[in-house]
C-alpha atoms as a PDB file:
ATOM      1  CA  MET A   1     -49.306 -34.515 -21.301  1.00  0.00           C
ATOM      2  CA  LYS A   2     -46.093 -32.666 -20.612  1.00  0.00           C
ATOM      3  CA  ARG A   3     -46.521 -29.321 -18.879  1.00  0.00           C
ATOM      4  CA  ASP A   4     -44.570 -26.110 -19.311  1.00  0.00           C
ATOM      5  CA  LYS A   5     -40.831 -26.276 -18.634  1.00  0.00           C
ATOM      6  CA  LEU A   6     -40.344 -26.512 -14.905  1.00  0.00           C
ATOM      7  CA  LYS A   7     -38.732 -23.606 -13.081  1.00  0.00           C
ATOM      8  CA  ILE A   8     -37.976 -24.891  -9.611  1.00  0.00           C
ATOM      9  CA  ILE A   9     -37.232 -23.301  -6.266  1.00  0.00           C
ATOM     10  CA  VAL A  10     -35.649 -25.579  -3.655  1.00  0.00           C
ATOM     11  CA  MET A  11     -36.013 -24.779   0.055  1.00  0.00           C
ATOM     12  CA  GLY A  12     -33.824 -26.495   2.648  1.00  0.00           C
ATOM     13  CA  THR A  13     -30.962 -26.074   5.086  1.00  0.00           C
ATOM     14  CA  PRO A  14     -29.019 -29.192   6.242  1.00  0.00           C
ATOM     15  CA  ASP A  15     -27.105 -31.954   4.452  1.00  0.00           C
ATOM     16  CA  PHE A  16     -30.313 -33.947   4.105  1.00  0.00           C
ATOM     17  CA  ALA A  17     -31.594 -31.292   1.682  1.00  0.00           C
ATOM     18  CA  VAL A  18     -28.318 -31.058  -0.265  1.00  0.00           C
ATOM     19  CA  ALA A  19     -28.782 -34.552  -1.714  1.00  0.00           C
ATOM     20  CA  THR A  20     -32.108 -33.534  -3.271  1.00  0.00           C
ATOM     21  CA  LEU A  21     -30.770 -30.242  -4.630  1.00  0.00           C
ATOM     22  CA  LYS A  22     -27.723 -32.021  -6.074  1.00  0.00           C
ATOM     23  CA  THR A  23     -29.916 -34.684  -7.740  1.00  0.00           C
ATOM     24  CA  LEU A  24     -32.118 -32.043  -9.376  1.00  0.00           C
ATOM     25  CA  VAL A  25     -29.086 -30.088 -10.596  1.00  0.00           C
ATOM     26  CA  GLU A  26     -27.418 -33.205 -11.979  1.00  0.00           C
ATOM     27  CA  ASN A  27     -30.614 -34.097 -13.848  1.00  0.00           C
ATOM     28  CA  ASP A  28     -30.577 -30.687 -15.572  1.00  0.00           C
ATOM     29  CA  TYR A  29     -33.647 -29.178 -13.939  1.00  0.00           C
ATOM     30  CA  ASP A  30     -33.817 -25.386 -13.978  1.00  0.00           C
ATOM     31  CA  ILE A  31     -33.265 -24.267 -10.366  1.00  0.00           C
ATOM     32  CA  VAL A  32     -34.216 -20.590 -10.388  1.00  0.00           C
ATOM     33  CA  GLY A  33     -33.683 -20.077  -6.667  1.00  0.00           C
ATOM     34  CA  VAL A  34     -32.555 -21.725  -3.447  1.00  0.00           C
ATOM     35  CA  ILE A  35     -34.076 -20.616  -0.132  1.00  0.00           C
ATOM     36  CA  THR A  36     -32.137 -21.466   3.014  1.00  0.00           C
ATOM     37  CA  ALA A  37     -31.684 -20.304   6.604  1.00  0.00           C
ATOM     38  CA  PRO A  38     -29.670 -17.170   7.399  1.00  0.00           C
ATOM     39  CA  ASP A  39     -26.028 -17.703   8.413  1.00  0.00           C
ATOM     40  CA  ARG A  40     -25.727 -18.516  12.123  1.00  0.00           C
ATOM     41  CA  PRO A  41     -22.956 -17.614  14.580  1.00  0.00           C
ATOM     42  CA  ALA A  42     -21.270 -20.732  15.953  1.00  0.00           C
ATOM     43  CA  GLY A  43     -18.273 -21.730  18.042  1.00  0.00           C
ATOM     44  CA  ARG A  44     -16.282 -19.717  20.536  1.00  0.00           C
ATOM     45  CA  GLY A  45     -15.495 -16.985  18.044  1.00  0.00           C
ATOM     46  CA  ARG A  46     -19.186 -16.754  17.032  1.00  0.00           C
ATOM     47  CA  LYS A  47     -18.087 -16.943  13.411  1.00  0.00           C
ATOM     48  CA  LEU A  48     -20.977 -16.958  10.938  1.00  0.00           C
ATOM     49  CA  ASN A  49     -21.618 -20.432   9.525  1.00  0.00           C
ATOM     50  CA  GLU A  50     -23.532 -20.916   6.292  1.00  0.00           C
ATOM     51  CA  SER A  51     -25.916 -23.827   5.794  1.00  0.00           C
ATOM     52  CA  ALA A  52     -24.884 -26.936   3.881  1.00  0.00           C
ATOM     53  CA  VAL A  53     -27.454 -26.037   1.227  1.00  0.00           C
ATOM     54  CA  LYS A  54     -26.005 -22.543   0.794  1.00  0.00           C
ATOM     55  CA  THR A  55     -22.484 -23.935   0.441  1.00  0.00           C
ATOM     56  CA  TYR A  56     -23.574 -26.315  -2.316  1.00  0.00           C
ATOM     57  CA  ALA A  57     -25.771 -23.730  -4.056  1.00  0.00           C
ATOM     58  CA  LEU A  58     -23.042 -21.067  -4.229  1.00  0.00           C
ATOM     59  CA  ALA A  59     -20.487 -23.615  -5.437  1.00  0.00           C
ATOM     60  CA  ASN A  60     -22.847 -24.410  -8.307  1.00  0.00           C
ATOM     61  CA  GLY A  61     -23.716 -20.835  -9.217  1.00  0.00           C
ATOM     62  CA  LEU A  62     -27.297 -20.928  -7.941  1.00  0.00           C
ATOM     63  CA  ASN A  63     -29.283 -17.915  -6.769  1.00  0.00           C
ATOM     64  CA  VAL A  64     -29.546 -18.005  -2.941  1.00  0.00           C
ATOM     65  CA  LEU A  65     -32.103 -16.191  -0.753  1.00  0.00           C
ATOM     66  CA  GLN A  66     -31.866 -16.215   3.059  1.00  0.00           C
ATOM     67  CA  PRO A  67     -35.003 -14.584   4.496  1.00  0.00           C
ATOM     68  CA  THR A  68     -35.407 -14.153   8.230  1.00  0.00           C
ATOM     69  CA  ASN A  69     -39.166 -13.691   7.846  1.00  0.00           C
ATOM     70  CA  LEU A  70     -40.999 -15.716   5.192  1.00  0.00           C
ATOM     71  CA  LYS A  71     -43.977 -13.332   5.336  1.00  0.00           C
ATOM     72  CA  ASP A  72     -41.867 -10.235   4.722  1.00  0.00           C
ATOM     73  CA  GLY A  73     -43.259  -8.276   1.786  1.00  0.00           C
ATOM     74  CA  ASP A  74     -39.871  -7.694   0.126  1.00  0.00           C
ATOM     75  CA  PHE A  75     -39.041 -11.417   0.292  1.00  0.00           C
ATOM     76  CA  VAL A  76     -42.437 -12.436  -1.105  1.00  0.00           C
ATOM     77  CA  LYS A  77     -41.993  -9.925  -3.934  1.00  0.00           C
ATOM     78  CA  GLU A  78     -38.496 -11.257  -4.698  1.00  0.00           C
ATOM     79  CA  LEU A  79     -39.758 -14.840  -4.603  1.00  0.00           C
ATOM     80  CA  LYS A  80     -42.537 -13.998  -7.034  1.00  0.00           C
ATOM     81  CA  SER A  81     -40.075 -12.320  -9.383  1.00  0.00           C
ATOM     82  CA  LEU A  82     -38.259 -15.662  -9.849  1.00  0.00           C
ATOM     83  CA  GLU A  83     -41.396 -16.931 -11.640  1.00  0.00           C
ATOM     84  CA  ALA A  84     -41.014 -20.491 -10.372  1.00  0.00           C
ATOM     85  CA  ASN A  85     -43.848 -22.877 -11.192  1.00  0.00           C
ATOM     86  CA  LEU A  86     -42.833 -25.569  -8.661  1.00  0.00           C
ATOM     87  CA  GLN A  87     -41.319 -25.464  -5.161  1.00  0.00           C
ATOM     88  CA  VAL A  88     -39.551 -28.375  -3.485  1.00  0.00           C
ATOM     89  CA  VAL A  89     -39.100 -28.288   0.299  1.00  0.00           C
ATOM     90  CA  VAL A  90     -36.688 -30.519   2.235  1.00  0.00           C
ATOM     91  CA  ALA A  91     -35.845 -30.055   5.931  1.00  0.00           C
ATOM     92  CA  PHE A  92     -36.931 -26.419   6.078  1.00  0.00           C
ATOM     93  CA  ARG A  93     -39.382 -24.549   8.263  1.00  0.00           C
ATOM     94  CA  MET A  94     -43.158 -24.145   8.078  1.00  0.00           C
ATOM     95  CA  LEU A  95     -44.201 -22.009   5.122  1.00  0.00           C
ATOM     96  CA  PRO A  96     -46.921 -19.353   5.161  1.00  0.00           C
ATOM     97  CA  GLU A  97     -49.719 -19.818   2.633  1.00  0.00           C
ATOM     98  CA  VAL A  98     -48.551 -16.820   0.605  1.00  0.00           C
ATOM     99  CA  VAL A  99     -45.366 -18.806  -0.124  1.00  0.00           C
ATOM    100  CA  TRP A 100     -46.561 -22.404  -0.556  1.00  0.00           C
ATOM    101  CA  SER A 101     -49.558 -21.439  -2.684  1.00  0.00           C
ATOM    102  CA  MET A 102     -47.506 -19.281  -5.080  1.00  0.00           C
ATOM    103  CA  PRO A 103     -46.300 -21.734  -7.798  1.00  0.00           C
ATOM    104  CA  LYS A 104     -48.622 -22.872 -10.595  1.00  0.00           C
ATOM    105  CA  TYR A 105     -47.832 -26.569 -10.022  1.00  0.00           C
ATOM    106  CA  GLY A 106     -47.735 -26.388  -6.236  1.00  0.00           C
ATOM    107  CA  THR A 107     -45.233 -26.871  -3.438  1.00  0.00           C
ATOM    108  CA  PHE A 108     -44.303 -30.330  -2.231  1.00  0.00           C
ATOM    109  CA  ASN A 109     -42.264 -31.522   0.727  1.00  0.00           C
ATOM    110  CA  LEU A 110     -39.979 -34.504   1.258  1.00  0.00           C
ATOM    111  CA  HIS A 111     -40.485 -35.980   4.736  1.00  0.00           C
ATOM    112  CA  ALA A 112     -38.330 -38.706   6.279  1.00  0.00           C
ATOM    113  CA  SER A 113     -41.096 -41.068   7.389  1.00  0.00           C
ATOM    114  CA  LEU A 114     -44.022 -43.025   6.025  1.00  0.00           C
ATOM    115  CA  LEU A 115     -46.742 -40.480   6.694  1.00  0.00           C
ATOM    116  CA  PRO A 116     -49.074 -40.096   8.504  1.00  0.00           C
ATOM    117  CA  ASN A 117     -46.730 -41.599  11.113  1.00  0.00           C
ATOM    118  CA  TYR A 118     -43.922 -39.471  12.505  1.00  0.00           C
ATOM    119  CA  ARG A 119     -45.123 -36.052  11.522  1.00  0.00           C
ATOM    120  CA  GLY A 120     -42.889 -33.489  13.172  1.00  0.00           C
ATOM    121  CA  ALA A 121     -39.313 -32.409  13.739  1.00  0.00           C
ATOM    122  CA  ALA A 122     -37.387 -35.651  14.358  1.00  0.00           C
ATOM    123  CA  PRO A 123     -38.892 -38.541  12.344  1.00  0.00           C
ATOM    124  CA  ILE A 124     -35.628 -40.458  11.827  1.00  0.00           C
ATOM    125  CA  HIS A 125     -34.729 -40.398  15.518  1.00  0.00           C
ATOM    126  CA  TRP A 126     -38.157 -41.513  16.708  1.00  0.00           C
ATOM    127  CA  ALA A 127     -38.484 -44.347  14.212  1.00  0.00           C
ATOM    128  CA  ILE A 128     -35.392 -45.954  15.762  1.00  0.00           C
ATOM    129  CA  MET A 129     -36.209 -44.950  19.339  1.00  0.00           C
ATOM    130  CA  ASN A 130     -39.598 -46.628  18.982  1.00  0.00           C
ATOM    131  CA  GLY A 131     -38.053 -49.795  17.579  1.00  0.00           C
ATOM    132  CA  GLU A 132     -39.588 -49.613  14.102  1.00  0.00           C
ATOM    133  CA  LYS A 133     -38.540 -52.349  11.663  1.00  0.00           C
ATOM    134  CA  VAL A 134     -39.595 -50.328   8.599  1.00  0.00           C
ATOM    135  CA  THR A 135     -39.602 -46.619   7.806  1.00  0.00           C
ATOM    136  CA  GLY A 136     -39.230 -44.584   4.625  1.00  0.00           C
ATOM    137  CA  VAL A 137     -39.746 -41.293   2.847  1.00  0.00           C
ATOM    138  CA  THR A 138     -42.833 -39.464   1.609  1.00  0.00           C
ATOM    139  CA  THR A 139     -43.480 -36.634  -0.823  1.00  0.00           C
ATOM    140  CA  PHE A 140     -46.669 -34.644  -0.282  1.00  0.00           C
ATOM    141  CA  PHE A 141     -48.219 -31.351  -1.341  1.00  0.00           C
ATOM    142  CA  ILE A 142     -47.973 -28.785   1.453  1.00  0.00           C
ATOM    143  CA  ASP A 143     -51.127 -27.404   3.048  1.00  0.00           C
ATOM    144  CA  GLU A 144     -51.799 -25.134   6.012  1.00  0.00           C
ATOM    145  CA  LYS A 145     -50.873 -27.705   8.679  1.00  0.00           C
ATOM    146  CA  ILE A 146     -47.553 -29.469   9.402  1.00  0.00           C
ATOM    147  CA  ASP A 147     -46.922 -32.684   7.419  1.00  0.00           C
ATOM    148  CA  THR A 148     -50.623 -33.313   6.723  1.00  0.00           C
ATOM    149  CA  GLY A 149     -50.897 -32.676   2.971  1.00  0.00           C
ATOM    150  CA  ALA A 150     -51.951 -35.104   0.250  1.00  0.00           C
ATOM    151  CA  ILE A 151     -49.364 -37.839  -0.334  1.00  0.00           C
ATOM    152  CA  ILE A 152     -47.798 -38.128  -3.799  1.00  0.00           C
ATOM    153  CA  LEU A 153     -45.266 -40.961  -3.415  1.00  0.00           C
ATOM    154  CA  GLN A 154     -43.769 -43.127  -0.667  1.00  0.00           C
ATOM    155  CA  GLU A 155     -40.784 -45.455  -0.530  1.00  0.00           C
ATOM    156  CA  ALA A 156     -40.145 -47.865   2.356  1.00  0.00           C
ATOM    157  CA  THR A 157     -36.862 -49.273   3.678  1.00  0.00           C
ATOM    158  CA  ALA A 158     -35.864 -51.640   6.469  1.00  0.00           C
ATOM    159  CA  VAL A 159     -34.514 -50.355   9.774  1.00  0.00           C
ATOM    160  CA  LEU A 160     -31.662 -52.676  10.714  1.00  0.00           C
ATOM    161  CA  GLU A 161     -31.266 -54.097  14.225  1.00  0.00           C
ATOM    162  CA  ASP A 162     -28.090 -52.069  14.841  1.00  0.00           C
ATOM    163  CA  GLU A 163     -29.137 -49.005  12.819  1.00  0.00           C
ATOM    164  CA  THR A 164     -28.244 -45.607  14.268  1.00  0.00           C
ATOM    165  CA  VAL A 165     -29.844 -42.295  13.431  1.00  0.00           C
ATOM    166  CA  GLY A 166     -26.641 -41.442  11.551  1.00  0.00           C
ATOM    167  CA  SER A 167     -26.776 -44.443   9.223  1.00  0.00           C
ATOM    168  CA  LEU A 168     -30.547 -44.244   8.724  1.00  0.00           C
ATOM    169  CA  HIS A 169     -30.306 -40.498   8.004  1.00  0.00           C
ATOM    170  CA  ASP A 170     -27.900 -41.172   5.130  1.00  0.00           C
ATOM    171  CA  LYS A 171     -30.008 -44.040   3.788  1.00  0.00           C
ATOM    172  CA  LEU A 172     -33.198 -41.919   3.786  1.00  0.00           C
ATOM    173  CA  MET A 173     -31.355 -38.893   2.391  1.00  0.00           C
ATOM    174  CA  HIS A 174     -30.444 -40.798  -0.789  1.00  0.00           C
ATOM    175  CA  LEU A 175     -33.753 -42.641  -0.985  1.00  0.00           C
ATOM    176  CA  GLY A 176     -35.527 -39.304  -0.590  1.00  0.00           C
ATOM    177  CA  SER A 177     -33.568 -37.544  -3.335  1.00  0.00           C
ATOM    178  CA  GLU A 178     -34.579 -40.296  -5.784  1.00  0.00           C
ATOM    179  CA  LEU A 179     -38.204 -40.049  -4.655  1.00  0.00           C
ATOM    180  CA  VAL A 180     -38.136 -36.290  -5.286  1.00  0.00           C
ATOM    181  CA  LEU A 181     -36.824 -36.940  -8.789  1.00  0.00           C
ATOM    182  CA  LYS A 182     -39.730 -39.331  -9.478  1.00  0.00           C
ATOM    183  CA  THR A 183     -42.198 -36.857  -7.989  1.00  0.00           C
ATOM    184  CA  VAL A 184     -40.926 -33.973 -10.127  1.00  0.00           C
ATOM    185  CA  ALA A 185     -41.207 -36.148 -13.252  1.00  0.00           C
ATOM    186  CA  LEU A 186     -44.833 -37.012 -12.405  1.00  0.00           C
ATOM    187  CA  ILE A 187     -45.686 -33.337 -11.864  1.00  0.00           C
ATOM    188  CA  GLN A 188     -43.917 -32.372 -15.084  1.00  0.00           C
ATOM    189  CA  HIS A 189     -46.100 -34.828 -17.048  1.00  0.00           C
ATOM    190  CA  ASP A 190     -49.278 -33.986 -15.088  1.00  0.00           C
ATOM    191  CA  GLU A 191     -49.433 -37.556 -13.790  1.00  0.00           C
ATOM    192  CA  ALA A 192     -49.187 -37.039 -10.032  1.00  0.00           C
ATOM    193  CA  GLN A 193     -51.910 -38.976  -8.227  1.00  0.00           C
ATOM    194  CA  THR A 194     -52.438 -38.000  -4.590  1.00  0.00           C
ATOM    195  CA  THR A 195     -53.807 -39.802  -1.549  1.00  0.00           C
ATOM    196  CA  ILE A 196     -55.339 -37.989   1.413  1.00  0.00           C
ATOM    197  CA  GLN A 197     -53.575 -38.907   4.654  1.00  0.00           C
ATOM    198  CA  PRO A 198     -55.704 -41.084   6.938  1.00  0.00           C
ATOM    199  CA  GLU A 199     -56.436 -39.637  10.362  1.00  0.00           C
ATOM    200  CA  THR A 200     -56.465 -42.320  13.059  1.00  0.00           C
ATOM    201  CA  GLU A 201     -56.026 -42.282  16.823  1.00  0.00           C
ATOM    202  CA  ASN A 202     -52.785 -44.258  16.870  1.00  0.00           C
ATOM    203  CA  ILE A 203     -50.662 -42.027  14.615  1.00  0.00           C
ATOM    204  CA  LYS A 204     -47.114 -41.784  16.011  1.00  0.00           C
ATOM    205  CA  THR A 205     -45.535 -38.344  16.434  1.00  0.00           C
ATOM    206  CA  ALA A 206     -41.927 -37.230  15.873  1.00  0.00           C
ATOM    207  CA  TYR A 207     -41.686 -34.827  18.789  1.00  0.00           C
ATOM    208  CA  LYS A 208     -38.971 -32.211  18.866  1.00  0.00           C
ATOM    209  CA  LEU A 209     -35.976 -33.520  20.786  1.00  0.00           C
ATOM    210  CA  ASN A 210     -35.163 -31.898  24.119  1.00  0.00           C
ATOM    211  CA  LYS A 211     -33.096 -32.676  27.197  1.00  0.00           C
ATOM    212  CA  ASP A 212     -35.907 -34.604  28.865  1.00  0.00           C
ATOM    213  CA  ASN A 213     -36.668 -37.005  26.024  1.00  0.00           C
ATOM    214  CA  CYS A 214     -32.968 -37.669  25.376  1.00  0.00           C
ATOM    215  CA  LYS A 215     -32.330 -38.882  28.948  1.00  0.00           C
ATOM    216  CA  ILE A 216     -31.796 -42.600  29.509  1.00  0.00           C
ATOM    217  CA  ASP A 217     -34.085 -44.283  32.047  1.00  0.00           C
ATOM    218  CA  TRP A 218     -32.142 -47.354  33.243  1.00  0.00           C
ATOM    219  CA  THR A 219     -35.250 -48.870  34.866  1.00  0.00           C
ATOM    220  CA  LEU A 220     -36.835 -49.550  31.480  1.00  0.00           C
ATOM    221  CA  GLU A 221     -36.701 -52.757  29.424  1.00  0.00           C
ATOM    222  CA  LEU A 222     -33.493 -53.693  27.579  1.00  0.00           C
ATOM    223  CA  ASP A 223     -34.738 -53.117  24.031  1.00  0.00           C
ATOM    224  CA  THR A 224     -36.302 -49.757  24.949  1.00  0.00           C
ATOM    225  CA  ILE A 225     -32.991 -48.454  26.312  1.00  0.00           C
ATOM    226  CA  TYR A 226     -30.994 -49.921  23.420  1.00  0.00           C
ATOM    227  CA  ASN A 227     -33.328 -48.333  20.846  1.00  0.00           C
ATOM    228  CA  LYS A 228     -33.182 -44.949  22.536  1.00  0.00           C
ATOM    229  CA  ILE A 229     -29.383 -44.810  22.604  1.00  0.00           C
ATOM    230  CA  ARG A 230     -28.938 -45.840  18.958  1.00  0.00           C
ATOM    231  CA  GLY A 231     -31.793 -43.514  17.945  1.00  0.00           C
ATOM    232  CA  LEU A 232     -29.795 -40.580  19.334  1.00  0.00           C
ATOM    233  CA  ASN A 233     -26.373 -41.636  17.989  1.00  0.00           C
ATOM    234  CA  PRO A 234     -24.459 -39.589  16.871  1.00  0.00           C
ATOM    235  CA  LEU A 235     -26.636 -36.526  17.470  1.00  0.00           C
ATOM    236  CA  PRO A 236     -27.726 -35.227  19.873  1.00  0.00           C
ATOM    237  CA  GLY A 237     -26.570 -38.207  21.979  1.00  0.00           C
ATOM    238  CA  ALA A 238     -28.421 -39.986  24.794  1.00  0.00           C
ATOM    239  CA  TRP A 239     -27.397 -38.847  28.268  1.00  0.00           C
ATOM    240  CA  CYS A 240     -27.589 -39.849  31.907  1.00  0.00           C
ATOM    241  CA  HIS A 241     -25.743 -39.248  35.172  1.00  0.00           C
ATOM    242  CA  LEU A 242     -22.775 -41.290  36.334  1.00  0.00           C
ATOM    243  CA  LEU A 243     -22.487 -41.711  40.100  1.00  0.00           C
ATOM    244  CA  ASN A 244     -18.922 -42.670  41.054  1.00  0.00           C
ATOM    245  CA  GLY A 245     -18.233 -42.447  44.751  1.00  0.00           C
ATOM    246  CA  ASP A 246     -19.038 -38.878  45.792  1.00  0.00           C
ATOM    247  CA  ASP A 247     -18.916 -37.622  42.204  1.00  0.00           C
ATOM    248  CA  LYS A 248     -22.053 -37.283  40.092  1.00  0.00           C
ATOM    249  CA  PHE A 249     -21.863 -35.845  36.591  1.00  0.00           C
ATOM    250  CA  GLN A 250     -23.591 -35.936  33.245  1.00  0.00           C
ATOM    251  CA  ILE A 251     -22.285 -38.179  30.463  1.00  0.00           C
ATOM    252  CA  LYS A 252     -23.339 -39.120  26.941  1.00  0.00           C
ATOM    253  CA  ILE A 253     -23.495 -42.656  25.594  1.00  0.00           C
ATOM    254  CA  PHE A 254     -23.306 -43.407  21.880  1.00  0.00           C
ATOM    255  CA  LYS A 255     -22.403 -46.829  20.524  1.00  0.00           C
ATOM    256  CA  VAL A 256     -23.850 -49.747  22.515  1.00  0.00           C
ATOM    257  CA  GLY A 257     -24.704 -53.433  22.325  1.00  0.00           C
ATOM    258  CA  LYS A 258     -27.194 -55.503  24.300  1.00  0.00           C
ATOM    259  CA  GLU A 259     -27.133 -58.815  26.137  1.00  0.00           C
ATOM    260  CA  ARG A 260     -30.349 -60.500  27.240  1.00  0.00           C
ATOM    261  CA  GLU A 261     -29.572 -62.342  30.474  1.00  0.00           C
ATOM    262  CA  LYS A 262     -31.036 -62.788  33.941  1.00  0.00           C
ATOM    263  CA  HIS A 263     -29.069 -61.242  36.814  1.00  0.00           C
ATOM    264  CA  THR A 264     -29.462 -59.890  40.334  1.00  0.00           C
ATOM    265  CA  TYR A 265     -27.818 -56.469  39.914  1.00  0.00           C
ATOM    266  CA  ASP A 266     -29.672 -53.213  40.590  1.00  0.00           C
ATOM    267  CA  HIS A 267     -30.797 -51.210  37.574  1.00  0.00           C
ATOM    268  CA  GLY A 268     -27.954 -48.967  36.421  1.00  0.00           C
ATOM    269  CA  ALA A 269     -25.195 -50.891  38.188  1.00  0.00           C
ATOM    270  CA  LEU A 270     -21.860 -50.824  36.347  1.00  0.00           C
ATOM    271  CA  ILE A 271     -20.123 -54.100  35.659  1.00  0.00           C
ATOM    272  CA  ILE A 272     -16.465 -53.905  34.614  1.00  0.00           C
ATOM    273  CA  ALA A 273     -14.646 -57.001  33.361  1.00  0.00           C
ATOM    274  CA  ASN A 274     -12.146 -57.887  30.622  1.00  0.00           C
ATOM    275  CA  ASN A 275     -11.697 -54.236  29.548  1.00  0.00           C
ATOM    276  CA  ALA A 276     -15.444 -54.015  28.945  1.00  0.00           C
ATOM    277  CA  LEU A 277     -18.095 -51.833  30.535  1.00  0.00           C
ATOM    278  CA  LYS A 278     -21.751 -52.728  30.782  1.00  0.00           C
ATOM    279  CA  VAL A 279     -24.830 -51.496  32.621  1.00  0.00           C
ATOM    280  CA  ALA A 280     -27.372 -53.752  34.306  1.00  0.00           C
ATOM    281  CA  VAL A 281     -30.994 -53.227  33.268  1.00  0.00           C
ATOM    282  CA  ARG A 282     -34.238 -55.071  33.921  1.00  0.00           C
ATOM    283  CA  ASP A 283     -33.688 -58.048  31.608  1.00  0.00           C
ATOM    284  CA  GLY A 284     -30.020 -57.935  30.691  1.00  0.00           C
ATOM    285  CA  TYR A 285     -27.115 -55.604  30.074  1.00  0.00           C
ATOM    286  CA  ILE A 286     -26.309 -52.623  27.867  1.00  0.00           C
ATOM    287  CA  SER A 287     -22.667 -52.924  26.812  1.00  0.00           C
ATOM    288  CA  ILE A 288     -21.042 -49.540  26.230  1.00  0.00           C
ATOM    289  CA  ALA A 289     -18.699 -49.234  23.253  1.00  0.00           C
ATOM    290  CA  GLU A 290     -18.501 -45.431  23.021  1.00  0.00           C
ATOM    291  CA  ILE A 291     -18.964 -42.851  25.767  1.00  0.00           C
ATOM    292  CA  GLN A 292     -18.254 -39.163  26.430  1.00  0.00           C
ATOM    293  CA  LEU A 293     -17.354 -37.625  29.783  1.00  0.00           C
ATOM    294  CA  PRO A 294     -17.861 -33.897  30.513  1.00  0.00           C
ATOM    295  CA  GLY A 295     -15.401 -31.735  28.597  1.00  0.00           C
ATOM    296  CA  LYS A 296     -13.876 -34.749  26.863  1.00  0.00           C
ATOM    297  CA  ARG A 297     -14.071 -36.243  23.396  1.00  0.00           C
ATOM    298  CA  LYS A 298     -15.904 -39.477  22.675  1.00  0.00           C
ATOM    299  CA  MET A 299     -13.845 -42.522  23.579  1.00  0.00           C
ATOM    300  CA  ASP A 300     -14.199 -46.280  23.469  1.00  0.00           C
ATOM    301  CA  ALA A 301     -14.788 -48.201  26.687  1.00  0.00           C
ATOM    302  CA  LYS A 302     -11.257 -49.627  26.810  1.00  0.00           C
ATOM    303  CA  SER A 303      -9.707 -46.142  26.621  1.00  0.00           C
ATOM    304  CA  LEU A 304     -12.011 -44.948  29.382  1.00  0.00           C
ATOM    305  CA  LEU A 305     -11.099 -47.852  31.646  1.00  0.00           C
ATOM    306  CA  ASN A 306      -7.385 -47.257  31.038  1.00  0.00           C
ATOM    307  CA  GLY A 307      -7.587 -43.662  32.225  1.00  0.00           C
ATOM    308  CA  TYR A 308     -10.460 -43.480  34.676  1.00  0.00           C
ATOM    309  CA  GLU A 309     -10.950 -45.276  37.986  1.00  0.00           C
ATOM    310  CA  PHE A 310     -14.406 -46.483  38.930  1.00  0.00           C
ATOM    311  CA  ASN A 311     -15.666 -47.032  42.464  1.00  0.00           C
ATOM    312  CA  LYS A 312     -16.955 -50.596  43.015  1.00  0.00           C
ATOM    313  CA  ASN A 313     -20.465 -49.205  43.625  1.00  0.00           C
ATOM    314  CA  ALA A 314     -20.480 -46.882  40.597  1.00  0.00           C
ATOM    315  CA  LYS A 315     -23.762 -46.738  38.749  1.00  0.00           C
ATOM    316  CA  MET A 316     -25.687 -44.954  36.036  1.00  0.00           C
ATOM    317  CA  LEU A 317     -28.641 -42.786  37.086  1.00  0.00           C
END
């Protein structure tokens, strides 16, 4: 049975959320409001930058709200005045109950993992960093905890051997926007069937990224290091220290390959040959294709070797 005409509010901030908003607009759904983060100062001039969602929403004549406090009485009153009966959340922040419980048909979230695994802030990064072969997207009704609500739909996709967080982000962004479209259609026809998330001891978590968990440990196994670097490429980038003679400084490593081979080098030792740069690890080598020195732009290994001289005992720490 078809329900009342849907009046939808979309909540989101980055590019990942734009794909969903764009899909709903292009399928002629009534978007009565778009909630996104306040403009943020960025760059040397501290110029205010608007979110990707705001840019798209304004370009398409949509009503934009940018609350700093989601519990603020004036915001809640304004939200209620939009008379939405469904809210769709993509890459936004945790909602208070007064907000998520407001619409007649509920509030659902699009999450970039196959829940219950990878609840949290960085599900795409951690799926690659942990060497997953399969991941996906999930829609679920929001409840009082983070990413724990009843699942509506899921869609799986393969994680390729050389996948980076950049390529997987784009794949899941488009897969997710289509899943939202299917979810909205089910809700519109009162056909959404939900599944309670199982709670087991071995659920994997998508921890917030920080400096510590983005550092490369060159003593670890080849695949572990390879997965970490590609799981942080292009953002925020895996980092380590380069020791070159008396100089020690922080660098970022982006595009890499791997070679499984026995050797007698110390962990982290740099091997330079044939305009190529690779790092010795426990059971092989990480070959570096793209690297960034302090204050410099990203460059390929050949460009680095053309303009930078390495000590014969240089190593990664």
